[in-house]
């Protein structure tokens, strides 16, 4: 599980430090763990914070949110409540660990294409986060994929455009799936006693389901499109007898 200082927690949840403190003062957010004079928050705090923000966006008042959270927690132990929240926040299933990246490493991989605007786009995509003077890649798989595309000769700007479009479409599919789950799955339990084991099971089953389905769809698309593109080019080369000079130079760069 990831530990957060209050500013990291607020930034990750898309809110402000002031709001986090307000939610704590209203007893909506559990107190953090103390390490010396530093307050340390967990993924369970992040999950609860996102839930609070979502309920506020739906128009609920602080008193209503506190009442609903209290009713949801009543009749069960703290371990059960935190167990479900930790299950929601658990990232281990994704099999990705963050990795530190220096500005020098970025320039080595991407050369002069590493500009302030490019870094800003990568951060906006959630592939990199600033940490001190360097960065952390929160998705090494996406980072390495982008590096490989640039190594193949695709400009970084075009690579980021594809990444933005891909993530936007995947998020759209995720929204559609969430709507289906909301309408057909989560409403099947109505008591506090049933909720924790049922929702934990739903989470455990949905995560690999979504991962495997997207992976299978991506592989199917790649197997269909990539050979077709390469085959078209091979046909052109064989018809002409040689590769045009511009294409040869592009392949070398």
Protein backbone atom coordinates (compact mmCIF):
# COMPACT_ATOMS: atom_id res chain seq x y z
CA UNK A 1 0.00 0.00 0.00
CA UNK A 2 1.10 3.58 -0.67
CA UNK A 3 1.70 6.14 2.09
CA UNK A 4 0.82 9.78 1.51
CA UNK A 5 1.64 13.05 3.18
CA UNK A 6 -1.33 15.40 3.28
CA UNK A 7 -0.29 17.36 0.17
CA UNK A 8 0.26 14.14 -1.81
CA UNK A 9 -3.13 12.82 -0.67
CA UNK A 10 -4.91 16.02 -1.70
CA UNK A 11 -3.20 16.15 -5.11
CA UNK A 12 -3.91 12.48 -5.88
CA UNK A 13 -7.59 12.89 -4.97
CA UNK A 14 -7.91 16.09 -6.98
CA UNK A 15 -8.66 18.37 -4.04
CA UNK A 16 -6.82 20.78 -1.72
CA UNK A 17 -5.01 20.38 1.59
CA UNK A 18 -7.50 22.80 3.10
CA UNK A 19 -10.41 20.57 2.06
CA UNK A 20 -8.73 17.48 3.52
CA UNK A 21 -8.40 19.27 6.86
CA UNK A 22 -12.03 20.39 6.69
CA UNK A 23 -13.18 16.78 6.12
CA UNK A 24 -11.09 15.69 9.10
CA UNK A 25 -12.56 18.43 11.28
CA UNK A 26 -16.04 17.24 10.26
CA UNK A 27 -15.12 13.66 11.26
CA UNK A 28 -15.64 12.43 7.70
CA UNK A 29 -12.03 11.34 7.25
CA UNK A 30 -10.30 9.14 9.85
CA UNK A 31 -7.20 10.59 11.55
CA UNK A 32 -3.85 9.78 9.93
CA UNK A 33 -1.04 7.72 11.38
CA UNK A 34 1.67 9.79 13.04
CA UNK A 35 5.37 9.33 12.33
CA UNK A 36 7.01 11.86 14.59
CA UNK A 37 5.34 15.15 13.70
CA UNK A 38 4.37 13.98 10.20
CA UNK A 39 0.83 12.82 9.38
CA UNK A 40 0.81 9.75 7.13
CA UNK A 41 -2.27 8.69 5.15
CA UNK A 42 -2.98 5.35 3.47
CA UNK A 43 -4.84 4.13 0.39
CA UNK A 44 -7.87 3.66 2.65
CA UNK A 45 -7.83 7.40 3.35
CA UNK A 46 -7.56 8.09 -0.38
CA UNK A 47 -10.55 5.86 -1.11
CA UNK A 48 -12.61 7.51 1.64
CA UNK A 49 -11.58 10.96 0.43
CA UNK A 50 -12.65 10.18 -3.15
CA UNK A 51 -15.97 8.87 -1.82
CA UNK A 52 -16.53 12.09 0.14
CA UNK A 53 -15.71 14.21 -2.91
CA UNK A 54 -18.08 12.13 -5.07
CA UNK A 55 -20.92 12.52 -2.56
CA UNK A 56 -20.33 16.27 -2.31
CA UNK A 57 -20.45 16.53 -6.11
CA UNK A 58 -23.82 14.73 -6.01
CA UNK A 59 -25.16 17.47 -3.76
CA UNK A 60 -25.00 15.83 -0.32
CA UNK A 61 -24.29 18.04 2.69
CA UNK A 62 -21.61 17.24 5.26
CA UNK A 63 -24.20 16.12 7.81
CA UNK A 64 -25.83 13.77 5.29
CA UNK A 65 -22.48 12.28 4.28
CA UNK A 66 -21.51 11.73 7.91
CA UNK A 67 -24.86 10.07 8.61
CA UNK A 68 -24.60 7.78 5.57
CA UNK A 69 -21.01 6.81 6.33
CA UNK A 70 -21.97 6.14 9.92
CA UNK A 71 -24.94 4.01 8.88
CA UNK A 72 -22.78 2.11 6.42
CA UNK A 73 -20.22 1.39 9.13
CA UNK A 74 -22.70 0.51 11.88
CA UNK A 75 -22.93 -3.09 12.88
CA UNK A 76 -19.49 -4.00 11.58
CA UNK A 77 -15.98 -3.79 12.96
CA UNK A 78 -13.37 -1.25 11.93
CA UNK A 79 -11.44 -4.09 10.32
CA UNK A 80 -14.38 -4.94 8.07
CA UNK A 81 -14.84 -1.32 7.02
CA UNK A 82 -11.15 -0.76 6.33
CA UNK A 83 -10.99 -4.15 4.63
CA UNK A 84 -13.47 -3.09 1.98
CA UNK A 85 -11.83 0.32 1.57
CA UNK A 86 -8.40 -1.31 1.21
CA UNK A 87 -9.87 -3.73 -1.35
CA UNK A 88 -11.17 -0.79 -3.37
CA UNK A 89 -7.81 0.98 -3.16
CA UNK A 90 -5.61 -2.10 -3.66
CA UNK A 91 -3.30 -1.64 -6.63
CA UNK A 92 -1.29 -4.85 -6.40
CA UNK A 93 -3.51 -6.56 -8.98
CA UNK A 94 -2.24 -4.16 -11.65
CA UNK A 95 1.29 -5.62 -11.30
CA UNK A 96 2.96 -2.22 -11.82
CA UNK A 97 5.36 -0.61 -9.38
CA UNK A 98 6.38 3.03 -9.58
CA UNK A 99 9.87 3.78 -10.85
CA UNK A 100 12.05 6.85 -10.39
CA UNK A 101 13.06 8.71 -13.56
CA UNK A 102 15.53 11.58 -13.75
CA UNK A 103 15.46 14.40 -16.27
CA UNK A 104 18.72 13.05 -17.64
CA UNK A 105 17.13 9.66 -18.28
CA UNK A 106 14.22 11.33 -20.07
CA UNK A 107 16.63 13.22 -22.33
CA UNK A 108 18.60 10.04 -23.00
CA UNK A 109 15.46 8.19 -24.13
CA UNK A 110 13.65 11.01 -25.93
CA UNK A 111 16.44 13.42 -26.85
CA UNK A 112 15.57 16.97 -27.84
CA UNK A 113 11.88 16.06 -27.91
CA UNK A 114 11.85 16.43 -24.10
CA UNK A 115 10.42 19.93 -23.84
CA UNK A 116 8.50 21.62 -21.00
CA UNK A 117 5.26 21.21 -22.98
CA UNK A 118 5.94 17.50 -23.60
CA UNK A 119 6.65 16.91 -19.90
CA UNK A 120 3.45 18.75 -19.02
CA UNK A 121 1.46 16.46 -21.36
CA UNK A 122 3.01 13.31 -19.90
CA UNK A 123 2.19 14.48 -16.37
CA UNK A 124 -1.38 15.31 -17.43
CA UNK A 125 -1.67 11.75 -18.79
CA UNK A 126 -0.69 10.41 -15.37
CA UNK A 127 2.34 8.57 -16.72
CA UNK A 128 4.78 10.75 -14.77
CA UNK A 129 4.55 12.60 -11.48
CA UNK A 130 7.00 15.20 -10.22
CA UNK A 131 8.99 14.15 -7.16
CA UNK A 132 11.51 16.74 -6.01
CA UNK A 133 13.91 17.43 -8.87
CA UNK A 134 12.99 14.27 -10.71
CA UNK A 135 9.96 12.20 -11.60
CA UNK A 136 8.22 8.95 -10.80
CA UNK A 137 6.53 6.93 -13.52
CA UNK A 138 3.26 5.61 -12.10
CA UNK A 139 2.79 3.37 -15.14
CA UNK A 140 6.13 1.92 -16.27
CA UNK A 141 4.31 -0.11 -18.95
CA UNK A 142 2.95 3.03 -20.64
CA UNK A 143 6.25 4.84 -20.16
CA UNK A 144 8.23 2.01 -21.75
CA UNK A 145 5.70 1.71 -24.57
CA UNK A 146 6.09 5.41 -25.34
CA UNK A 147 9.89 5.08 -25.29
CA UNK A 148 9.75 2.12 -27.68
CA UNK A 149 7.46 3.99 -30.10
CA UNK A 150 9.91 6.92 -30.15
CA UNK A 151 12.81 4.49 -30.64
CA UNK A 152 10.97 3.10 -33.69
CA UNK A 153 10.92 6.59 -35.16
CA UNK A 154 7.49 7.89 -34.15
CA UNK A 155 7.73 11.50 -32.88
CA UNK A 156 7.05 11.96 -29.17
CA UNK A 157 4.32 14.50 -29.93
CA UNK A 158 2.43 11.96 -32.07
CA UNK A 159 3.03 9.24 -29.47
CA UNK A 160 1.46 11.40 -26.75
CA UNK A 161 -1.49 12.22 -28.99
CA UNK A 162 -2.14 8.50 -29.49
CA UNK A 163 -1.79 7.90 -25.75
CA UNK A 164 -4.26 10.68 -24.95
CA UNK A 165 -6.78 9.29 -27.44
CA UNK A 166 -6.30 5.72 -26.21
CA UNK A 167 -6.73 6.59 -22.54
CA UNK A 168 -9.77 8.73 -23.29
CA UNK A 169 -11.42 5.83 -25.15
CA UNK A 170 -10.51 3.31 -22.44
CA UNK A 171 -11.95 5.65 -19.81
CA UNK A 172 -15.13 5.82 -21.88
CA UNK A 173 -15.35 2.03 -21.92
CA UNK A 174 -14.73 2.05 -18.18
CA UNK A 175 -17.62 4.48 -17.68
CA UNK A 176 -19.89 2.21 -19.72
CA UNK A 177 -18.88 -0.82 -17.66
CA UNK A 178 -19.35 1.11 -14.41
CA UNK A 179 -22.86 2.02 -15.52
CA UNK A 180 -23.67 -1.64 -16.18
CA UNK A 181 -22.31 -2.66 -12.79
CA UNK A 182 -24.21 0.17 -11.12
CA UNK A 183 -27.50 -0.90 -12.73
CA UNK A 184 -27.21 -4.67 -12.57
CA UNK A 185 -24.76 -5.68 -9.83
CA UNK A 186 -24.32 -3.34 -6.87
CA UNK A 187 -28.05 -3.06 -6.22
CA UNK A 188 -28.34 -6.77 -5.46
CA UNK A 189 -27.57 -6.32 -1.75
CA UNK A 190 -29.40 -4.05 0.67
CA UNK A 191 -28.11 -4.89 4.15
CA UNK A 192 -24.89 -3.92 5.91
CA UNK A 193 -24.13 -7.55 6.74
CA UNK A 194 -24.17 -8.59 3.08
CA UNK A 195 -22.36 -5.57 1.66
CA UNK A 196 -18.72 -6.12 2.64
CA UNK A 197 -18.24 -9.71 1.38
CA UNK A 198 -20.39 -9.09 -1.70
CA UNK A 199 -18.62 -5.92 -2.84
CA UNK A 200 -15.18 -7.35 -2.07
CA UNK A 201 -16.03 -10.33 -4.28
CA UNK A 202 -17.30 -8.03 -7.05
CA UNK A 203 -14.04 -6.06 -6.97
CA UNK A 204 -11.91 -9.21 -7.03
CA UNK A 205 -13.81 -10.56 -10.06
CA UNK A 206 -14.14 -7.33 -12.05
CA UNK A 207 -10.49 -6.29 -11.99
CA UNK A 208 -9.03 -9.31 -13.83
CA UNK A 209 -12.11 -9.42 -16.06
CA UNK A 210 -11.54 -5.86 -17.29
CA UNK A 211 -7.78 -6.37 -17.62
CA UNK A 212 -8.09 -9.60 -19.61
CA UNK A 213 -10.84 -8.24 -21.87
CA UNK A 214 -8.89 -5.09 -22.77
CA UNK A 215 -5.68 -7.06 -23.28
CA UNK A 216 -7.43 -9.55 -25.57
CA UNK A 217 -9.05 -6.75 -27.58
CA UNK A 218 -5.72 -4.92 -27.95
CA UNK A 219 -3.91 -8.09 -29.09
CA UNK A 220 -6.66 -8.85 -31.60
CA UNK A 221 -6.47 -5.33 -33.03
CA UNK A 222 -2.66 -5.38 -33.21
CA UNK A 223 -2.61 -8.76 -34.97
CA UNK A 224 -5.05 -7.43 -37.55
CA UNK A 225 -3.62 -3.96 -38.20
CA UNK A 226 0.16 -4.18 -37.81
CA UNK A 227 0.78 -6.97 -40.37
CA UNK A 228 -1.49 -5.12 -42.79
CA UNK A 229 0.53 -1.89 -42.49
CA UNK A 230 3.87 -3.68 -42.83
CA UNK A 231 2.52 -5.82 -45.67
CA UNK A 232 1.42 -2.75 -47.63
CA UNK A 233 4.89 -1.23 -47.29
CA UNK A 234 6.61 -4.48 -48.30
CA UNK A 235 4.44 -4.64 -51.42
CA UNK A 236 5.45 -1.07 -52.33
CA UNK A 237 9.14 -1.85 -51.81
CA UNK A 238 8.98 -5.01 -53.91
CA UNK A 239 7.15 -3.17 -56.68
CA UNK A 240 9.69 -0.34 -56.74
CA UNK A 241 12.73 -2.51 -56.22
CA UNK A 242 14.15 -0.30 -53.45
CA UNK A 243 13.20 1.83 -50.49
CA UNK A 244 12.97 5.57 -51.25
CA UNK A 245 15.85 7.56 -49.73
CA UNK A 246 13.57 9.51 -47.39
CA UNK A 247 12.11 6.32 -45.94
CA UNK A 248 15.59 4.81 -45.49
CA UNK A 249 16.82 7.86 -43.61
CA UNK A 250 13.68 7.91 -41.46
CA UNK A 251 14.21 4.26 -40.58
CA UNK A 252 17.79 5.01 -39.48
CA UNK A 253 16.81 7.98 -37.29
